[in-house]
Protein backbone atom coordinates (compact mmCIF):
# COMPACT_ATOMS: atom_id res chain seq x y z
CA UNK A 1 -39.03 66.67 63.07
CA UNK A 2 -36.92 66.12 59.97
CA UNK A 3 -37.72 68.68 57.31
CA UNK A 4 -38.86 67.76 53.84
CA UNK A 5 -36.79 68.87 50.88
CA UNK A 6 -38.57 71.47 48.82
CA UNK A 7 -37.47 74.52 46.91
CA UNK A 8 -38.38 78.06 47.74
CA UNK A 9 -41.68 79.26 46.35
CA UNK A 10 -41.74 80.13 42.63
CA UNK A 11 -38.08 79.16 42.09
CA UNK A 12 -37.90 76.78 39.12
CA UNK A 13 -34.95 74.90 37.60
CA UNK A 14 -33.04 77.17 35.25
CA UNK A 15 -29.81 77.02 33.26
CA UNK A 16 -27.29 74.25 32.73
CA UNK A 17 -23.99 75.61 34.07
CA UNK A 18 -24.29 73.47 37.21
CA UNK A 19 -24.55 70.34 35.03
CA UNK A 20 -21.42 71.31 33.08
CA UNK A 21 -19.64 71.58 36.43
CA UNK A 22 -21.02 68.14 37.28
CA UNK A 23 -19.63 66.90 33.96
CA UNK A 24 -16.15 68.10 34.94
CA UNK A 25 -16.46 66.23 38.24
CA UNK A 26 -17.47 63.14 36.26
CA UNK A 27 -14.41 63.50 33.99
CA UNK A 28 -12.03 63.85 36.94
CA UNK A 29 -13.47 60.81 38.68
CA UNK A 30 -13.27 58.81 35.45
CA UNK A 31 -9.54 59.40 34.91
CA UNK A 32 -8.99 58.90 38.64
CA UNK A 33 -10.37 55.38 38.43
CA UNK A 34 -8.65 54.54 35.17
CA UNK A 35 -5.35 55.09 36.94
CA UNK A 36 -6.38 53.08 40.00
CA UNK A 37 -7.44 50.16 37.82
CA UNK A 38 -4.32 49.90 35.63
CA UNK A 39 -2.27 47.90 38.12
CA UNK A 40 -5.10 45.44 38.77
CA UNK A 41 -5.57 44.72 35.05
CA UNK A 42 -1.83 44.31 34.55
CA UNK A 43 -1.51 42.18 37.71
CA UNK A 44 -1.26 38.75 35.97
CA UNK A 45 1.33 40.16 33.53
CA UNK A 46 3.37 41.82 36.28
CA UNK A 47 3.14 38.75 38.53
CA UNK A 48 4.59 36.66 35.73
CA UNK A 49 7.26 39.19 34.71
CA UNK A 50 8.31 40.43 38.15
CA UNK A 51 7.54 37.38 40.29
CA UNK A 52 4.89 38.86 42.61
CA UNK A 53 2.88 36.85 45.10
CA UNK A 54 -0.68 37.71 46.17
CA UNK A 55 0.69 39.06 49.45
CA UNK A 56 3.08 41.36 47.56
CA UNK A 57 0.12 42.79 45.67
CA UNK A 58 -1.78 43.11 48.96
CA UNK A 59 0.98 45.32 50.33
CA UNK A 60 0.88 47.50 47.22
CA UNK A 61 -2.82 48.02 47.77
CA UNK A 62 -2.01 48.68 51.44
CA UNK A 63 0.47 51.42 50.43
CA UNK A 64 -2.13 53.17 48.28
CA UNK A 65 -4.75 53.00 50.99
CA UNK A 66 -2.36 54.01 53.74
CA UNK A 67 -1.59 57.23 51.86
CA UNK A 68 -5.29 57.64 51.10
CA UNK A 69 -6.14 57.20 54.78
CA UNK A 70 -3.48 59.56 56.08
CA UNK A 71 -4.12 62.26 53.50
CA UNK A 72 -7.92 62.16 53.25
CA UNK A 73 -8.58 64.38 56.30
CA UNK A 74 -5.72 66.65 55.22
CA UNK A 75 -7.10 66.80 51.69
CA UNK A 76 -10.56 67.69 52.94
CA UNK A 77 -9.07 70.43 55.10
CA UNK A 78 -6.99 71.80 52.21
CA UNK A 79 -10.04 71.84 49.92
CA UNK A 80 -12.06 73.74 52.55
CA UNK A 81 -9.18 76.20 53.05
CA UNK A 82 -7.72 76.62 49.54
CA UNK A 83 -10.99 76.26 47.65
CA UNK A 84 -12.08 73.71 45.11
CA UNK A 85 -10.71 75.46 42.03
CA UNK A 86 -7.02 75.53 42.99
CA UNK A 87 -7.09 72.68 45.49
CA UNK A 88 -8.67 70.21 43.08
CA UNK A 89 -6.28 71.14 40.24
CA UNK A 90 -3.25 70.71 42.51
CA UNK A 91 -4.43 67.28 43.64
CA UNK A 92 -4.91 66.08 40.05
CA UNK A 93 -1.39 67.18 39.08
CA UNK A 94 0.03 65.25 42.06
CA UNK A 95 -1.80 62.02 41.26
CA UNK A 96 -0.95 62.30 37.55
CA UNK A 97 2.78 62.48 38.26
CA UNK A 98 2.51 59.60 40.74
CA UNK A 99 0.64 57.49 38.19
CA UNK A 100 3.30 58.09 35.56
CA UNK A 101 6.05 57.15 38.04
CA UNK A 102 4.84 53.50 37.96
CA UNK A 103 6.49 53.25 34.54
CA UNK A 104 9.92 53.47 36.16
CA UNK A 105 9.33 50.92 38.95
CA UNK A 106 11.10 47.55 38.87
CA UNK A 107 10.44 45.93 42.27
CA UNK A 108 7.29 45.39 44.29
CA UNK A 109 8.45 47.96 46.84
CA UNK A 110 9.04 50.56 44.13
CA UNK A 111 5.51 49.91 42.90
CA UNK A 112 4.30 50.29 46.49
CA UNK A 113 6.05 53.69 46.69
CA UNK A 114 4.36 54.79 43.45
CA UNK A 115 1.01 53.59 44.79
CA UNK A 116 1.60 55.62 47.95
CA UNK A 117 2.11 58.77 45.87
CA UNK A 118 -1.03 58.00 43.88
CA UNK A 119 -3.00 57.70 47.13
CA UNK A 120 -1.70 61.08 48.31
CA UNK A 121 -3.06 62.86 45.24
CA UNK A 122 -6.28 60.89 44.76
CA UNK A 123 -7.35 61.41 48.37
CA UNK A 124 -8.63 64.87 47.40
CA UNK A 125 -10.99 63.77 44.62
CA UNK A 126 -14.12 63.00 46.61
CA UNK A 127 -13.81 65.78 49.23
CA UNK A 128 -13.43 68.27 46.37
CA UNK A 129 -16.23 66.79 44.27
CA UNK A 130 -18.74 66.50 47.12
CA UNK A 131 -17.96 70.06 48.25
CA UNK A 132 -18.47 71.28 44.68
CA UNK A 133 -21.87 69.57 44.55
CA UNK A 134 -22.82 71.20 47.88
CA UNK A 135 -21.87 74.61 46.43
CA UNK A 136 -23.52 74.18 43.03
CA UNK A 137 -26.72 72.21 43.66
CA UNK A 138 -29.84 72.60 45.82
CA UNK A 139 -30.43 69.79 48.28
CA UNK A 140 -33.00 67.95 46.22
CA UNK A 141 -30.57 67.57 43.29
CA UNK A 142 -27.45 66.71 45.26
CA UNK A 143 -27.96 62.95 45.38
CA UNK A 144 -28.50 62.85 41.60
CA UNK A 145 -25.47 65.06 40.93
CA UNK A 146 -23.39 62.93 43.29
CA UNK A 147 -24.59 59.79 41.54
CA UNK A 148 -23.61 61.24 38.17
CA UNK A 149 -20.08 62.26 39.11
CA UNK A 150 -19.62 59.10 41.20
CA UNK A 151 -20.58 57.07 38.12
CA UNK A 152 -17.28 58.25 36.67
CA UNK A 153 -15.60 55.72 38.93
CA UNK A 154 -17.46 52.98 37.10
CA UNK A 155 -16.81 54.49 33.68
CA UNK A 156 -13.12 54.70 34.52
CA UNK A 157 -13.09 51.10 35.69
CA UNK A 158 -14.96 50.19 32.48
CA UNK A 159 -12.67 52.12 30.11
CA UNK A 160 -9.50 50.81 31.77
CA UNK A 161 -9.89 47.12 30.71
CA UNK A 162 -10.34 48.30 27.12
CA UNK A 163 -7.62 50.95 27.08
CA UNK A 164 -4.95 49.17 29.14
CA UNK A 165 -4.66 46.00 27.00
CA UNK A 166 -4.76 48.12 23.82
CA UNK A 167 -1.77 50.23 24.96
CA UNK A 168 0.11 47.47 26.81
CA UNK A 169 0.07 45.02 23.89
CA UNK A 170 1.34 47.68 21.48
CA UNK A 171 3.68 49.84 23.56
CA UNK A 172 4.39 47.75 26.65
CA UNK A 173 3.06 47.94 30.19
CA UNK A 174 5.34 50.81 31.19
CA UNK A 175 3.90 53.05 28.47
CA UNK A 176 0.42 52.29 29.80
CA UNK A 177 1.13 54.20 33.00
CA UNK A 178 2.50 57.16 31.04
CA UNK A 179 -0.49 57.33 28.71
CA UNK A 180 -3.16 57.06 31.41
CA UNK A 181 -1.35 59.51 33.69
CA UNK A 182 -1.16 62.06 30.89
CA UNK A 183 -4.97 62.20 30.54
CA UNK A 184 -5.20 64.28 33.71
CA UNK A 185 -3.61 67.38 32.23
CA UNK A 186 -6.52 67.76 29.79
CA UNK A 187 -8.87 67.94 32.77
CA UNK A 188 -6.68 70.43 34.68
CA UNK A 189 -6.74 72.85 31.73
CA UNK A 190 -10.53 72.60 31.38
CA UNK A 191 -11.12 72.97 35.14
CA UNK A 192 -8.96 76.07 35.58
CA UNK A 193 -10.53 77.67 32.50
CA UNK A 194 -14.20 77.06 33.34
CA UNK A 195 -14.69 76.59 37.08
CA UNK A 196 -15.60 79.38 39.47
CA UNK A 197 -17.82 79.54 42.55
CA UNK A 198 -21.51 80.15 41.71
CA UNK A 199 -21.49 83.81 42.72
CA UNK A 200 -18.35 84.45 40.63
CA UNK A 201 -19.23 82.53 37.45
CA UNK A 202 -19.91 84.86 34.52
CA UNK A 203 -21.90 82.29 32.59
CA UNK A 204 -24.38 81.68 35.43
CA UNK A 205 -27.76 83.35 35.03
CA UNK A 206 -29.55 85.01 37.93
CA UNK A 207 -32.31 82.44 37.62
CA UNK A 208 -29.95 79.49 37.95
CA UNK A 209 -28.13 81.12 40.86
CA UNK A 210 -31.43 81.66 42.63
CA UNK A 211 -32.38 78.04 42.02
CA UNK A 212 -29.04 76.77 43.39
CA UNK A 213 -29.58 78.83 46.55
CA UNK A 214 -33.31 78.20 46.76
CA UNK A 215 -33.43 75.83 49.71
CA UNK A 216 -30.51 76.94 51.84
CA UNK A 217 -29.96 80.01 53.95
CA UNK A 218 -26.65 81.85 53.93
CA UNK A 219 -24.06 79.94 55.94
CA UNK A 220 -20.93 81.31 57.59
CA UNK A 221 -17.72 80.95 55.63
CA UNK A 222 -14.42 79.56 56.91
CA UNK A 223 -13.27 76.19 58.14
CA UNK A 224 -14.25 74.11 61.14
CA UNK A 225 -12.10 72.36 63.71
CA UNK A 226 -11.91 68.59 63.50
CA UNK A 227 -12.51 68.48 67.24
CA UNK A 228 -15.97 69.94 66.67
CA UNK A 229 -16.72 67.25 64.05
CA UNK A 230 -15.50 64.36 66.19
CA UNK A 231 -18.12 65.17 68.78
CA UNK A 232 -20.98 64.71 66.28
CA UNK A 233 -22.75 61.38 65.86
CA UNK A 234 -23.54 62.16 62.21
CA UNK A 235 -19.81 62.40 61.43
CA UNK A 236 -19.12 59.06 63.11
CA UNK A 237 -22.05 57.46 61.27
CA UNK A 238 -20.57 58.57 57.96
CA UNK A 239 -17.12 57.29 58.96
CA UNK A 240 -18.57 53.94 60.06
CA UNK A 241 -20.45 53.52 56.79
CA UNK A 242 -17.27 54.13 54.81
CA UNK A 243 -15.15 51.89 57.07
CA UNK A 244 -17.44 48.89 56.61
CA UNK A 245 -18.29 49.18 52.89
CA UNK A 246 -15.34 50.86 51.15
CA UNK A 247 -13.13 47.74 51.51
CA UNK A 248 -15.68 45.87 49.38
CA UNK A 249 -15.22 48.31 46.51
CA UNK A 250 -11.44 48.17 46.85
CA UNK A 251 -11.68 44.38 46.68
CA UNK A 252 -13.76 44.55 43.50
CA UNK A 253 -11.49 47.15 41.94
CA UNK A 254 -8.13 45.53 42.60
CA UNK A 255 -8.83 41.81 42.79
CA UNK A 256 -11.54 41.16 40.19
CA UNK A 257 -9.08 40.91 37.27
CA UNK A 258 -7.03 38.39 39.25
CA UNK A 259 -10.18 36.47 40.22
CA UNK A 260 -11.32 36.22 36.60
CA UNK A 261 -7.84 35.16 35.50
CA UNK A 262 -7.43 32.54 38.25
CA UNK A 263 -10.97 31.14 38.13
CA UNK A 264 -11.85 31.31 34.44
CA UNK A 265 -8.42 31.58 32.80
CA UNK A 266 -9.04 34.97 31.16
CA UNK A 267 -5.93 36.63 29.75
CA UNK A 268 -5.21 40.30 29.04
CA UNK A 269 -7.10 40.28 25.74
CA UNK A 270 -10.14 38.41 27.13
CA UNK A 271 -10.67 40.21 30.42
CA UNK A 272 -12.17 43.37 28.93
CA UNK A 273 -15.78 42.33 28.14
CA UNK A 274 -16.60 40.86 31.59
CA UNK A 275 -15.16 43.89 33.37
CA UNK A 276 -17.00 46.26 31.04
CA UNK A 277 -20.31 44.54 31.87
CA UNK A 278 -19.55 44.66 35.60
CA UNK A 279 -18.76 48.36 35.59
CA UNK A 280 -21.57 49.33 33.21
CA UNK A 281 -23.86 47.82 35.83
CA UNK A 282 -22.04 49.78 38.52
CA UNK A 283 -22.47 52.96 36.50
CA UNK A 284 -26.21 52.38 36.20
CA UNK A 285 -26.40 51.60 39.92
CA UNK A 286 -24.68 54.85 40.85
CA UNK A 287 -27.12 57.00 38.87
CA UNK A 288 -30.16 54.92 39.87
CA UNK A 289 -29.25 55.05 43.55
CA UNK A 290 -28.87 58.82 43.47
CA UNK A 291 -32.04 59.20 41.42
CA UNK A 292 -34.09 57.03 43.78
CA UNK A 293 -33.55 59.10 46.91
CA UNK A 294 -33.91 62.37 44.97
CA UNK A 295 -37.16 61.08 43.43
CA UNK A 296 -38.54 60.06 46.82
CA UNK A 297 -37.58 63.43 48.29
CA UNK A 298 -39.27 65.25 45.40
CA UNK A 299 -42.45 63.28 46.15
CA UNK A 300 -42.51 64.73 49.65
CA UNK A 301 -40.69 62.06 51.64
CA UNK A 302 -38.59 63.30 54.52
CA UNK A 303 -34.85 63.48 53.97
CA UNK A 304 -34.34 60.71 56.53
CA UNK A 305 -36.86 58.35 54.94
CA UNK A 306 -35.77 59.00 51.34
CA UNK A 307 -32.04 58.51 51.93
CA UNK A 308 -32.35 55.44 54.15
CA UNK A 309 -34.91 53.74 51.93
CA UNK A 310 -32.57 54.11 48.96
CA UNK A 311 -29.67 52.80 51.05
CA UNK A 312 -31.73 49.79 52.16
CA UNK A 313 -32.58 48.95 48.55
CA UNK A 314 -28.88 49.12 47.65
CA UNK A 315 -27.82 47.08 50.69
CA UNK A 316 -30.29 44.33 49.78
CA UNK A 317 -29.10 44.44 46.17
CA UNK A 318 -25.54 43.68 47.27
CA UNK A 319 -26.37 40.34 48.88
CA UNK A 320 -26.77 38.05 45.80
CA UNK A 321 -22.98 37.99 45.37
CA UNK A 322 -22.90 35.62 48.36
CA UNK A 323 -24.21 32.85 46.09
CA UNK A 324 -21.16 33.15 43.81
CA UNK A 325 -19.76 30.02 45.50
CA UNK A 326 -22.45 27.97 43.76
CA UNK A 327 -21.79 29.34 40.25
CA UNK A 328 -19.38 27.48 38.01
CA UNK A 329 -19.45 29.40 34.72
CA UNK A 330 -18.25 32.85 33.73
CA UNK A 331 -21.31 34.89 32.75
CA UNK A 332 -23.60 33.93 35.65
CA UNK A 333 -20.71 34.92 37.93
CA UNK A 334 -20.37 38.21 36.06
CA UNK A 335 -24.10 38.84 36.58
CA UNK A 336 -23.85 38.31 40.34
CA UNK A 337 -20.78 40.51 40.64
CA UNK A 338 -22.59 43.16 38.57
CA UNK A 339 -25.38 43.23 41.15
CA UNK A 340 -22.74 43.78 43.82
CA UNK A 341 -20.96 46.63 42.06
CA UNK A 342 -24.23 48.35 41.07
CA UNK A 343 -25.48 48.12 44.64
CA UNK A 344 -22.23 49.51 46.01
CA UNK A 345 -22.27 52.56 43.80
CA UNK A 346 -25.93 53.32 44.48
CA UNK A 347 -25.13 52.99 48.18
CA UNK A 348 -22.07 55.21 47.83
CA UNK A 349 -23.98 58.00 46.06
CA UNK A 350 -26.41 58.20 48.98
CA UNK A 351 -23.76 57.78 51.65
CA UNK A 352 -21.75 60.71 50.27
CA UNK A 353 -24.89 62.82 50.22
CA UNK A 354 -25.34 62.28 53.96
CA UNK A 355 -22.37 64.57 54.55
CA UNK A 356 -23.98 67.51 52.75
CA UNK A 357 -27.40 66.63 54.23
CA UNK A 358 -26.26 66.82 57.83
CA UNK A 359 -23.43 69.41 57.85
CA UNK A 360 -23.09 73.01 56.63
CA UNK A 361 -21.25 73.56 53.38
CA UNK A 362 -18.11 74.90 55.02
CA UNK A 363 -17.64 71.55 56.79
CA UNK A 364 -18.53 69.15 53.97
CA UNK A 365 -14.98 68.71 52.66
CA UNK A 366 -13.69 67.97 56.17
CA UNK A 367 -16.49 65.50 56.93
CA UNK A 368 -15.94 63.65 53.66
CA UNK A 369 -12.22 63.66 54.45
CA UNK A 370 -12.89 61.95 57.77
CA UNK A 371 -15.13 59.42 56.03
CA UNK A 372 -12.47 58.78 53.42
CA UNK A 373 -10.01 58.17 56.26
CA UNK A 374 -12.38 55.58 57.72
CA UNK A 375 -12.89 53.88 54.36
CA UNK A 376 -9.20 53.85 53.54
CA UNK A 377 -8.29 52.46 56.97
CA UNK A 378 -10.84 49.70 56.46
CA UNK A 379 -9.39 48.92 53.04
CA UNK A 380 -5.84 49.21 54.35
CA UNK A 381 -6.54 46.58 57.01
CA UNK A 382 -8.33 44.26 54.58
CA UNK A 383 -5.84 44.36 51.67
CA UNK A 384 -2.91 42.45 53.23
CA UNK A 385 -5.37 40.03 54.83
CA UNK A 386 -6.87 39.26 51.41
CA UNK A 387 -3.40 38.71 49.93
CA UNK A 388 -2.26 36.39 52.72
CA UNK A 389 -5.58 34.52 52.66
CA UNK A 390 -5.29 33.88 48.91
CA UNK A 391 -1.70 32.65 49.36
CA UNK A 392 -2.74 30.41 52.26
CA UNK A 393 -5.94 29.04 50.67
CA UNK A 394 -4.42 28.59 47.21
CA UNK A 395 -6.81 31.12 45.70
CA UNK A 396 -10.16 30.54 47.43
CA UNK A 397 -12.31 33.63 46.89
CA UNK A 398 -15.57 32.23 48.31
CA UNK A 399 -15.43 33.64 51.87
CA UNK A 400 -14.35 37.01 50.48
CA UNK A 401 -17.54 37.33 48.43
CA UNK A 402 -19.66 36.30 51.42
CA UNK A 403 -18.19 39.18 53.44
CA UNK A 404 -18.73 41.53 50.49
CA UNK A 405 -22.41 40.66 50.29
CA UNK A 406 -23.16 41.18 53.98
CA UNK A 407 -21.24 44.42 54.57
CA UNK A 408 -23.94 46.88 53.47
CA UNK A 409 -26.76 45.64 55.68
CA UNK A 410 -24.37 45.73 58.63
CA UNK A 411 -23.30 49.28 57.75
CA UNK A 412 -26.88 50.51 57.37
CA UNK A 413 -27.77 49.09 60.78
CA UNK A 414 -24.84 50.95 62.34
CA UNK A 415 -25.76 54.22 60.61
CA UNK A 416 -29.40 54.01 61.68
CA UNK A 417 -28.46 53.24 65.29
CA UNK A 418 -26.09 56.21 65.40
CA UNK A 419 -28.36 58.67 63.52
CA UNK A 420 -32.03 57.63 63.78
CA UNK A 421 -33.01 60.89 62.06
CA UNK A 422 -31.03 62.92 59.56
CA UNK A 423 -30.98 66.50 60.76
CA UNK A 424 -28.77 69.52 60.25
CA UNK A 425 -25.82 69.42 62.65
CA UNK A 426 -25.02 72.69 64.35
CA UNK A 427 -21.33 73.63 64.65
């Protein structure tokens, strides 16, 4: 039977170092998503100035996701091998330089090359962050910690529509890429200064270390072979969940500014408030989704029941966006899209936690890397199709939102069929 999550006897929560580490993960994810979002916010401006079509933009998104797909398993492997402290810092430096290189691009293909470099560096963010959570948190807190750092993606997407117009209108769009890319170096300095593994961190009390290790036995160190992961149904369930639902998030992230501009005529100075509302909702959904499964687990629910119940709630919450076709004004549309983004991030917090629930810590980075590959391949296949569809249909977004609303229930059905019970996978 699936075990319930409960701490060792007489071990109580202690200390706050693990939450400072979580804060650093949140900061990294925030700047990560600011840089992803810049090109989407500037899309109407760049289309006008550089003569892009929707299909050109689709291929830029394809380039980013192609690099993300190819590098995600490699990034997970490097994080498992090199360690999160150095591996994470190296990845952030790479994506910062790639982000800044957009400032020197002049053609759509040069932008695509810059997006490819950005995908190479950013592919390491989630394998590194999820592995850090597995190292620094007991099982019953992992979903909440994952929800908190994952909410940085929403904060980044929320800050970007405020920051990007402010910089672009004063310094030009090229300076925007330089400014946002430069934010990463602040994080790198803080990470290298403060982060260590739990057993090596001087600021960690014995009580907090005991709490972190309270519900897990010692596990062997080292890496695992991908061949051993590919034979596990739990790994394929995680990959399938990412493949089906990640393209929805990519669609929201890259095409929402264009949708709001094309449908409601919002310009660069007007687009901020709707996007802020949408991503505030996503931020709340990320934390609430992680909190829900952790709360249910703390009440004695089995791991399987707690995680899947939370995922079902999120999947159901994503469906109202289907009715967007019947909404003709801006703010009701924003409300429906907000339900969709909140549901996605709550779903994502629990989906990421499945990797650390079902695999030993030494394999978590590699499993998340495989899942990221699946999600990026899904997004890579969808992006050009969205661009060509919008060119062909003269900007009809309706069927795209229908697909977005249905994806999560389909993904949950696949996951449950592949892994009826969440149990520790032996390697």
